[in-house]
Amino acid sequence: YSTADVTAPTVSYVYTNTNKKQVKIVFSEAVYDVDGTALDTGDITFNDGGAATGTAFTSVIHTAGSTDFYAYFVSTFASTADTLEFVDAQIVDATGNAIGTAQADIALNAASLVLDDNQNAPSISSVQANKGNTLMLATLNEPVFTSSDGTGAVVLADLTYTDTTETLATVTVSHTAANPWVLLTRS
C-alpha cells in the first residue's frame, strides 16, 4: 500500500544577484499552477512595500512540474519592505496540495537571500545534431537571455562557435528568450 501525499510544497531556497533585478525561487518539490500549467505572474506577486518604486516583473519563467521559478524585474527592488507574495491556493504539487498561507512571503532584502552572481551560470546540458551537422540543438540547464535583465533572445554574438571539421559559409541562431534551447543552422 502507499501513503497519500498530503505535504504542501515549500520554498527551499531564494537566490538573487548583486543588481537585485533577478530572483530564483527553488521549491521543495515540483510545482504547478492550480490549472496544471506553469507558474506565472498571477501566482506570485511583487509588493513594493508601499514605496511605489516602479519595480515590476519584466518576465517570469517556470516550466510546469519544475522546482525552479525565475523572476526578472524592470528596476532594482530596493526597499526593506519589498516582498514576493504567494497567491492563495494557486501553487500546487502533483497531487494538488497547495503551498498555502503557511509559507511566508519572501522578503527581497532579507539577509537570508543567497547571493548568486553567476555562481551558477547557464551551461550546455546536451547538443544534438542531424546527419551532416547542418542543424544543431543545444539544450542548456536553465532558461537563457541575451541580456542580464531577463530580456532578449540569444544571438550568434552571444556564443563562441568554432567549426574544426569543415568551413560552412553561414551560421545562424534561432532562439526565443526564456527558452533553454538554442538552434544553430549551418549552411
C-alpha atoms as a PDB file:
ATOM      1  CA  TYR A   1       0.000   0.000   0.000  1.00  0.00           C
ATOM      2  CA  SER A   2       1.075   3.600  -0.411  1.00  0.00           C
ATOM      3  CA  THR A   3       0.661   6.702   1.675  1.00  0.00           C
ATOM      4  CA  ALA A   4      -1.118   9.658   0.126  1.00  0.00           C
ATOM      5  CA  ASP A   5       0.948  12.805  -0.367  1.00  0.00           C
ATOM      6  CA  VAL A   6      -0.527  15.437   1.943  1.00  0.00           C
ATOM      7  CA  THR A   7       2.576  17.617   2.258  1.00  0.00           C
ATOM      8  CA  ALA A   8       2.324  21.047   0.679  1.00  0.00           C
ATOM      9  CA  PRO A   9       5.297  22.407  -1.272  1.00  0.00           C
ATOM     10  CA  THR A  10       7.506  24.957   0.468  1.00  0.00           C
ATOM     11  CA  VAL A  11      10.317  27.289  -0.549  1.00  0.00           C
ATOM     12  CA  SER A  12      13.720  25.654  -0.139  1.00  0.00           C
ATOM     13  CA  TYR A  13      15.978  28.477  -1.351  1.00  0.00           C
ATOM     14  CA  VAL A  14      15.758  32.002  -2.698  1.00  0.00           C
ATOM     15  CA  TYR A  15      18.601  33.414  -4.783  1.00  0.00           C
ATOM     16  CA  THR A  16      19.213  36.946  -6.003  1.00  0.00           C
ATOM     17  CA  ASN A  17      22.068  38.810  -7.639  1.00  0.00           C
ATOM     18  CA  THR A  18      24.014  41.966  -6.802  1.00  0.00           C
ATOM     19  CA  ASN A  19      21.929  44.265  -9.001  1.00  0.00           C
ATOM     20  CA  LYS A  20      18.764  42.935  -7.319  1.00  0.00           C
ATOM     21  CA  LYS A  21      16.866  42.624 -10.577  1.00  0.00           C
ATOM     22  CA  GLN A  22      16.587  38.810 -10.626  1.00  0.00           C
ATOM     23  CA  VAL A  23      15.215  36.246  -8.193  1.00  0.00           C
ATOM     24  CA  LYS A  24      15.280  32.458  -8.406  1.00  0.00           C
ATOM     25  CA  ILE A  25      12.978  30.521  -6.072  1.00  0.00           C
ATOM     26  CA  VAL A  26      13.611  26.801  -5.579  1.00  0.00           C
ATOM     27  CA  PHE A  27      10.607  24.880  -4.251  1.00  0.00           C
ATOM     28  CA  SER A  28      10.829  21.706  -2.152  1.00  0.00           C
ATOM     29  CA  GLU A  29       9.136  19.697  -4.893  1.00  0.00           C
ATOM     30  CA  ALA A  30       7.801  20.080  -8.425  1.00  0.00           C
ATOM     31  CA  VAL A  31       5.061  22.709  -8.593  1.00  0.00           C
ATOM     32  CA  TYR A  32       2.300  23.752 -10.964  1.00  0.00           C
ATOM     33  CA  ASP A  33      -0.299  26.461 -11.296  1.00  0.00           C
ATOM     34  CA  VAL A  34      -3.609  25.193  -9.899  1.00  0.00           C
ATOM     35  CA  ASP A  35      -4.667  24.629 -13.544  1.00  0.00           C
ATOM     36  CA  GLY A  36      -1.733  22.222 -14.069  1.00  0.00           C
ATOM     37  CA  THR A  37       0.273  24.705 -16.113  1.00  0.00           C
ATOM     38  CA  ALA A  38       3.469  26.681 -15.486  1.00  0.00           C
ATOM     39  CA  LEU A  39       3.505  29.368 -12.806  1.00  0.00           C
ATOM     40  CA  ASP A  40       3.049  32.955 -13.972  1.00  0.00           C
ATOM     41  CA  THR A  41       2.615  36.452 -12.544  1.00  0.00           C
ATOM     42  CA  GLY A  42      -0.872  35.502 -11.365  1.00  0.00           C
ATOM     43  CA  ASP A  43       0.619  33.007  -8.894  1.00  0.00           C
ATOM     44  CA  ILE A  44       3.344  35.118  -7.300  1.00  0.00           C
ATOM     45  CA  THR A  45       3.048  38.872  -6.972  1.00  0.00           C
ATOM     46  CA  PHE A  46       5.501  41.642  -6.165  1.00  0.00           C
ATOM     47  CA  ASN A  47       4.690  44.020  -3.288  1.00  0.00           C
ATOM     48  CA  ASP A  48       6.875  47.124  -3.294  1.00  0.00           C
ATOM     49  CA  GLY A  49       6.188  47.772   0.390  1.00  0.00           C
ATOM     50  CA  GLY A  50       4.104  50.807  -0.428  1.00  0.00           C
ATOM     51  CA  ALA A  51       7.100  52.744  -1.738  1.00  0.00           C
ATOM     52  CA  ALA A  52       5.799  52.898  -5.340  1.00  0.00           C
ATOM     53  CA  THR A  53       9.297  52.321  -6.745  1.00  0.00           C
ATOM     54  CA  GLY A  54       8.019  51.376 -10.190  1.00  0.00           C
ATOM     55  CA  THR A  55       9.537  47.938  -9.842  1.00  0.00           C
ATOM     56  CA  ALA A  56       7.590  45.266 -11.685  1.00  0.00           C
ATOM     57  CA  PHE A  57       8.231  41.941 -13.382  1.00  0.00           C
ATOM     58  CA  THR A  58       9.666  42.080 -16.888  1.00  0.00           C
ATOM     59  CA  SER A  59       9.154  38.344 -17.090  1.00  0.00           C
ATOM     60  CA  VAL A  60       8.739  35.216 -15.042  1.00  0.00           C
ATOM     61  CA  ILE A  61       9.879  31.761 -16.087  1.00  0.00           C
ATOM     62  CA  HIS A  62       8.719  28.378 -14.888  1.00  0.00           C
ATOM     63  CA  THR A  63       8.149  25.029 -16.537  1.00  0.00           C
ATOM     64  CA  ALA A  64       5.164  23.084 -15.210  1.00  0.00           C
ATOM     65  CA  GLY A  65       6.475  20.341 -12.938  1.00  0.00           C
ATOM     66  CA  SER A  66       9.769  22.100 -12.214  1.00  0.00           C
ATOM     67  CA  THR A  67      11.117  23.198  -8.830  1.00  0.00           C
ATOM     68  CA  ASP A  68      12.704  26.394 -10.209  1.00  0.00           C
ATOM     69  CA  PHE A  69      10.912  29.743 -10.682  1.00  0.00           C
ATOM     70  CA  TYR A  70      12.684  32.812 -12.089  1.00  0.00           C
ATOM     71  CA  ALA A  71      11.501  36.430 -11.779  1.00  0.00           C
ATOM     72  CA  TYR A  72      13.097  39.341 -13.624  1.00  0.00           C
ATOM     73  CA  PHE A  73      12.355  42.950 -12.666  1.00  0.00           C
ATOM     74  CA  VAL A  74      12.158  46.248 -14.580  1.00  0.00           C
ATOM     75  CA  SER A  75      14.266  48.002 -11.957  1.00  0.00           C
ATOM     76  CA  THR A  76      16.077  47.175  -8.747  1.00  0.00           C
ATOM     77  CA  PHE A  77      13.964  46.200  -5.760  1.00  0.00           C
ATOM     78  CA  ALA A  78      15.322  48.398  -3.007  1.00  0.00           C
ATOM     79  CA  SER A  79      13.029  48.772  -0.031  1.00  0.00           C
ATOM     80  CA  THR A  80      13.427  46.560   3.022  1.00  0.00           C
ATOM     81  CA  ALA A  81       9.655  46.085   2.778  1.00  0.00           C
ATOM     82  CA  ASP A  82       9.729  44.656  -0.792  1.00  0.00           C
ATOM     83  CA  THR A  83       8.319  41.118  -0.901  1.00  0.00           C
ATOM     84  CA  LEU A  84       7.203  38.366  -3.227  1.00  0.00           C
ATOM     85  CA  GLU A  85       3.836  37.031  -2.125  1.00  0.00           C
ATOM     86  CA  PHE A  86       2.147  33.752  -2.986  1.00  0.00           C
ATOM     87  CA  VAL A  87      -1.431  33.982  -4.210  1.00  0.00           C
ATOM     88  CA  ASP A  88      -3.581  31.713  -2.003  1.00  0.00           C
ATOM     89  CA  ALA A  89      -4.129  28.188  -3.359  1.00  0.00           C
ATOM     90  CA  GLN A  90      -2.612  28.948  -6.782  1.00  0.00           C
ATOM     91  CA  ILE A  91       0.630  26.929  -6.453  1.00  0.00           C
ATOM     92  CA  VAL A  92       0.220  23.173  -6.021  1.00  0.00           C
ATOM     93  CA  ASP A  93       2.231  19.962  -6.194  1.00  0.00           C
ATOM     94  CA  ALA A  94       1.399  16.981  -8.427  1.00  0.00           C
ATOM     95  CA  THR A  95      -1.309  15.743  -6.043  1.00  0.00           C
ATOM     96  CA  GLY A  96      -2.944  19.145  -5.578  1.00  0.00           C
ATOM     97  CA  ASN A  97      -1.503  20.185  -2.208  1.00  0.00           C
ATOM     98  CA  ALA A  98      -1.454  23.998  -2.239  1.00  0.00           C
ATOM     99  CA  ILE A  99       1.511  25.995  -0.984  1.00  0.00           C
ATOM    100  CA  GLY A 100      -0.968  27.741   1.308  1.00  0.00           C
ATOM    101  CA  THR A 101      -0.706  30.686   3.625  1.00  0.00           C
ATOM    102  CA  ALA A 102       1.734  28.888   5.940  1.00  0.00           C
ATOM    103  CA  GLN A 103       4.530  29.731   3.502  1.00  0.00           C
ATOM    104  CA  ALA A 104       5.782  33.171   4.468  1.00  0.00           C
ATOM    105  CA  ASP A 105       6.178  35.935   1.915  1.00  0.00           C
ATOM    106  CA  ILE A 106       9.736  36.337   0.673  1.00  0.00           C
ATOM    107  CA  ALA A 107      11.454  39.493   1.908  1.00  0.00           C
ATOM    108  CA  LEU A 108      13.652  40.520  -1.011  1.00  0.00           C
ATOM    109  CA  ASN A 109      16.264  42.376   1.027  1.00  0.00           C
ATOM    110  CA  ALA A 110      16.474  39.809   3.808  1.00  0.00           C
ATOM    111  CA  ALA A 111      19.854  38.576   4.979  1.00  0.00           C
ATOM    112  CA  SER A 112      18.611  35.036   4.264  1.00  0.00           C
ATOM    113  CA  LEU A 113      18.718  35.584   0.486  1.00  0.00           C
ATOM    114  CA  VAL A 114      21.583  33.737  -1.145  1.00  0.00           C
ATOM    115  CA  LEU A 115      23.715  35.949  -3.367  1.00  0.00           C
ATOM    116  CA  ASP A 116      24.151  34.163  -6.682  1.00  0.00           C
ATOM    117  CA  ASP A 117      26.089  36.335  -9.139  1.00  0.00           C
ATOM    118  CA  ASN A 118      26.902  33.945 -11.958  1.00  0.00           C
ATOM    119  CA  GLN A 119      27.957  31.271  -9.496  1.00  0.00           C
ATOM    120  CA  ASN A 120      25.571  29.013 -11.357  1.00  0.00           C
ATOM    121  CA  ALA A 121      25.986  30.344 -14.881  1.00  0.00           C
ATOM    122  CA  PRO A 122      23.998  28.574 -17.585  1.00  0.00           C
ATOM    123  CA  SER A 123      25.755  25.589 -19.092  1.00  0.00           C
ATOM    124  CA  ILE A 124      25.127  23.329 -22.063  1.00  0.00           C
ATOM    125  CA  SER A 125      23.493  20.083 -20.972  1.00  0.00           C
ATOM    126  CA  SER A 126      23.481  18.417 -24.373  1.00  0.00           C
ATOM    127  CA  VAL A 127      23.917  19.001 -28.101  1.00  0.00           C
ATOM    128  CA  GLN A 128      22.041  17.055 -30.749  1.00  0.00           C
ATOM    129  CA  ALA A 129      22.801  17.256 -34.467  1.00  0.00           C
ATOM    130  CA  ASN A 130      21.297  15.921 -37.655  1.00  0.00           C
ATOM    131  CA  LYS A 131      23.271  13.823 -40.115  1.00  0.00           C
ATOM    132  CA  GLY A 132      25.660  16.222 -41.806  1.00  0.00           C
ATOM    133  CA  ASN A 133      25.650  18.534 -38.774  1.00  0.00           C
ATOM    134  CA  THR A 134      23.735  21.303 -40.545  1.00  0.00           C
ATOM    135  CA  LEU A 135      21.296  21.613 -37.608  1.00  0.00           C
ATOM    136  CA  MET A 136      22.458  21.543 -34.002  1.00  0.00           C
ATOM    137  CA  LEU A 137      20.205  21.893 -30.976  1.00  0.00           C
ATOM    138  CA  ALA A 138      21.952  22.960 -27.781  1.00  0.00           C
ATOM    139  CA  THR A 139      19.988  22.373 -24.576  1.00  0.00           C
ATOM    140  CA  LEU A 140      21.042  24.485 -21.611  1.00  0.00           C
ATOM    141  CA  ASN A 141      20.448  23.760 -17.920  1.00  0.00           C
ATOM    142  CA  GLU A 142      18.174  26.789 -17.424  1.00  0.00           C
ATOM    143  CA  PRO A 143      16.288  29.481 -19.372  1.00  0.00           C
ATOM    144  CA  VAL A 144      18.626  31.949 -21.093  1.00  0.00           C
ATOM    145  CA  PHE A 145      18.546  35.505 -22.434  1.00  0.00           C
ATOM    146  CA  THR A 146      20.948  37.773 -24.288  1.00  0.00           C
ATOM    147  CA  SER A 147      20.666  40.451 -21.577  1.00  0.00           C
ATOM    148  CA  SER A 148      21.223  40.250 -17.818  1.00  0.00           C
ATOM    149  CA  ASP A 149      17.855  41.945 -17.202  1.00  0.00           C
ATOM    150  CA  GLY A 150      15.964  38.858 -18.405  1.00  0.00           C
ATOM    151  CA  THR A 151      15.177  40.044 -21.930  1.00  0.00           C
ATOM    152  CA  GLY A 152      16.255  39.261 -25.462  1.00  0.00           C
ATOM    153  CA  ALA A 153      16.855  36.131 -27.471  1.00  0.00           C
ATOM    154  CA  VAL A 154      20.341  34.646 -27.775  1.00  0.00           C
ATOM    155  CA  VAL A 155      22.175  35.705 -30.953  1.00  0.00           C
ATOM    156  CA  LEU A 156      25.337  34.377 -32.594  1.00  0.00           C
ATOM    157  CA  ALA A 157      27.459  37.105 -30.958  1.00  0.00           C
ATOM    158  CA  ASP A 158      26.498  35.630 -27.542  1.00  0.00           C
ATOM    159  CA  LEU A 159      28.129  32.310 -28.418  1.00  0.00           C
ATOM    160  CA  THR A 160      31.614  31.074 -29.054  1.00  0.00           C
ATOM    161  CA  TYR A 161      31.348  28.776 -32.050  1.00  0.00           C
ATOM    162  CA  THR A 162      34.248  27.004 -33.728  1.00  0.00           C
ATOM    163  CA  ASP A 163      33.954  24.680 -36.712  1.00  0.00           C
ATOM    164  CA  THR A 164      37.065  22.475 -36.758  1.00  0.00           C
ATOM    165  CA  THR A 165      35.902  19.972 -39.363  1.00  0.00           C
ATOM    166  CA  GLU A 166      34.770  21.994 -42.336  1.00  0.00           C
ATOM    167  CA  THR A 167      34.088  25.547 -43.380  1.00  0.00           C
ATOM    168  CA  LEU A 168      30.482  26.469 -43.960  1.00  0.00           C
ATOM    169  CA  ALA A 169      29.529  29.925 -45.193  1.00  0.00           C
ATOM    170  CA  THR A 170      26.869  30.872 -42.659  1.00  0.00           C
ATOM    171  CA  VAL A 171      25.834  30.013 -39.126  1.00  0.00           C
ATOM    172  CA  THR A 172      22.504  31.360 -37.859  1.00  0.00           C
ATOM    173  CA  VAL A 173      20.938  31.100 -34.422  1.00  0.00           C
ATOM    174  CA  SER A 174      17.247  30.579 -33.639  1.00  0.00           C
ATOM    175  CA  HIS A 175      16.179  31.195 -30.052  1.00  0.00           C
ATOM    176  CA  THR A 176      13.216  32.557 -28.150  1.00  0.00           C
ATOM    177  CA  ALA A 177      14.042  34.499 -24.982  1.00  0.00           C
ATOM    178  CA  ALA A 178      13.483  32.444 -21.816  1.00  0.00           C
ATOM    179  CA  ASN A 179      13.858  29.071 -23.536  1.00  0.00           C
ATOM    180  CA  PRO A 180      16.676  26.683 -22.617  1.00  0.00           C
ATOM    181  CA  TRP A 181      17.121  25.609 -26.273  1.00  0.00           C
ATOM    182  CA  VAL A 182      19.271  27.248 -28.938  1.00  0.00           C
ATOM    183  CA  LEU A 183      19.195  26.046 -32.555  1.00  0.00           C
ATOM    184  CA  LEU A 184      22.228  26.616 -34.788  1.00  0.00           C
ATOM    185  CA  THR A 185      21.817  26.224 -38.539  1.00  0.00           C
ATOM    186  CA  ARG A 186      24.933  25.828 -40.682  1.00  0.00           C
ATOM    187  CA  SER A 187      24.879  26.355 -44.435  1.00  0.00           C
END
